[in-house]
Amino acid sequence: QVQLVESGGGLVQAGGSLRLSCAASGNIFRIMGWYRQAPGKQRELVATITSVGIPTYADSVKGRFTISRDNAKNTVYLQMNSLKPEDTAVYYCNVRGVLATYWGQGTQVTVSS
């Protein structure tokens, strides 16, 4: 059973920074990433990164967020800078194996104006 342990959420003022971490048990996953869901909205992609370090970003976070991973620790990170109130959401770690996709429990990020 794959377990994902997320950390790093919290409350920050607009313009501030936070760093999310997600440690995965089990094998190295082909793709690791982050999604978010704001109240009343659908879950949306934030960023993903392949096992060889190729990132993909949502347009809304390009230039502000950076995704990275440490394969030795089986951990994916999301460095979030220049945060805006519209970034407020529950952020979910997502990892994709060969046969299945797994989700973390979510961590709340709240950006005050």
Protein backbone atom coordinates (compact mmCIF):
# COMPACT_ATOMS: atom_id res chain seq x y z
CA GLN A 1 0.00 0.00 0.00
CA VAL A 2 1.44 3.34 -1.08
CA GLN A 3 1.45 6.07 1.53
CA LEU A 4 1.91 9.77 0.81
CA VAL A 5 2.84 12.09 3.67
CA GLU A 6 2.36 15.76 2.92
CA SER A 7 3.64 18.71 4.89
CA GLY A 8 4.28 22.43 4.59
CA GLY A 9 0.88 24.04 4.26
CA GLY A 10 -0.24 26.98 6.33
CA LEU A 11 -1.31 30.60 6.43
CA VAL A 12 0.76 33.26 4.68
CA GLN A 13 0.27 36.84 3.57
CA ALA A 14 0.04 37.73 -0.09
CA GLY A 15 3.49 37.93 -1.60
CA GLY A 16 4.87 35.37 0.80
CA SER A 17 6.25 31.90 0.23
CA LEU A 18 5.57 28.34 1.31
CA ARG A 19 7.18 25.01 0.49
CA LEU A 20 5.16 21.83 0.30
CA SER A 21 6.67 18.36 0.61
CA CYS A 22 5.25 14.94 -0.16
CA ALA A 23 7.13 11.78 0.77
CA ALA A 24 6.00 8.58 -0.92
CA SER A 25 6.52 5.01 0.17
CA GLY A 26 7.17 2.25 -2.32
CA ASN A 27 8.84 2.41 -5.69
CA ILE A 28 9.96 5.44 -7.65
CA PHE A 29 6.96 6.86 -9.47
CA ARG A 30 7.05 7.90 -13.09
CA ILE A 31 5.24 11.17 -12.45
CA MET A 32 4.80 13.08 -9.20
CA GLY A 33 2.86 16.27 -8.82
CA TRP A 34 0.51 18.61 -7.07
CA TYR A 35 -3.13 19.47 -7.60
CA ARG A 36 -5.31 21.90 -5.70
CA GLN A 37 -8.96 22.40 -4.96
CA ALA A 38 -10.48 25.67 -3.84
CA PRO A 39 -13.92 25.82 -2.18
CA GLY A 40 -16.66 25.39 -4.75
CA LYS A 41 -14.22 24.62 -7.54
CA GLN A 42 -12.95 21.50 -9.26
CA ARG A 43 -9.59 20.02 -8.47
CA GLU A 44 -6.97 21.38 -10.87
CA LEU A 45 -3.44 20.60 -11.87
CA VAL A 46 -0.75 22.79 -10.35
CA ALA A 47 2.46 21.12 -11.47
CA THR A 48 3.94 17.73 -12.28
CA ILE A 49 7.45 16.42 -12.71
CA THR A 50 8.72 13.28 -14.40
CA SER A 51 11.23 10.85 -12.95
CA VAL A 52 13.98 12.55 -14.97
CA GLY A 53 13.02 16.00 -13.78
CA ILE A 54 10.91 17.45 -16.59
CA PRO A 55 8.31 19.82 -15.09
CA THR A 56 4.90 20.96 -16.25
CA TYR A 57 3.03 23.92 -14.76
CA ALA A 58 -0.43 25.38 -14.88
CA ASP A 59 -0.38 28.79 -16.54
CA SER A 60 -1.62 30.40 -13.35
CA VAL A 61 1.51 29.43 -11.40
CA LYS A 62 4.24 29.69 -14.04
CA GLY A 63 7.08 31.89 -12.88
CA ARG A 64 5.95 31.72 -9.25
CA PHE A 65 5.96 28.03 -8.34
CA THR A 66 8.77 25.53 -8.77
CA ILE A 67 8.35 21.77 -8.57
CA SER A 68 11.27 19.48 -7.81
CA ARG A 69 11.86 15.95 -6.65
CA ASP A 70 14.47 13.91 -4.84
CA ASN A 71 14.33 10.35 -6.13
CA ALA A 72 16.65 9.12 -3.37
CA LYS A 73 14.04 10.24 -0.83
CA ASN A 74 11.05 9.53 -3.08
CA THR A 75 9.86 13.04 -2.29
CA VAL A 76 8.35 15.79 -4.38
CA TYR A 77 8.46 19.46 -3.42
CA LEU A 78 6.52 22.55 -4.44
CA GLN A 79 8.17 25.88 -3.76
CA MET A 80 5.49 28.57 -3.93
CA ASN A 81 6.61 32.19 -4.16
CA SER A 82 4.70 35.43 -4.68
CA LEU A 83 1.57 33.79 -3.34
CA LYS A 84 -1.78 35.36 -4.13
CA PRO A 85 -5.14 35.06 -2.37
CA GLU A 86 -6.40 33.06 -5.35
CA ASP A 87 -3.81 30.39 -4.55
CA THR A 88 -5.82 29.54 -1.44
CA ALA A 89 -6.85 25.89 -1.68
CA VAL A 90 -6.26 22.41 -0.38
CA TYR A 91 -3.17 21.09 -2.14
CA TYR A 92 -2.98 17.39 -2.93
CA CYS A 93 0.07 15.35 -3.73
CA ASN A 94 -0.40 12.95 -6.64
CA VAL A 95 1.86 10.14 -7.82
CA ARG A 96 1.38 7.89 -10.81
CA GLY A 97 2.67 4.36 -10.93
CA VAL A 98 2.42 1.87 -13.76
CA LEU A 99 -0.95 0.54 -12.71
CA ALA A 100 -2.41 3.09 -10.33
CA THR A 101 -2.56 6.71 -9.22
CA TYR A 102 -2.34 7.71 -5.58
CA TRP A 103 -3.42 10.84 -3.71
CA GLY A 104 -2.26 12.42 -0.50
CA GLN A 105 -4.65 13.55 2.21
CA GLY A 106 -4.27 17.22 1.27
CA THR A 107 -2.73 20.20 3.00
CA GLN A 108 -4.40 23.58 3.39
CA VAL A 109 -2.75 26.67 1.95
CA THR A 110 -4.36 29.97 2.86
CA VAL A 111 -3.11 33.28 1.46
CA SER A 112 -4.44 36.40 3.13
CA SER A 113 -4.70 39.71 1.32
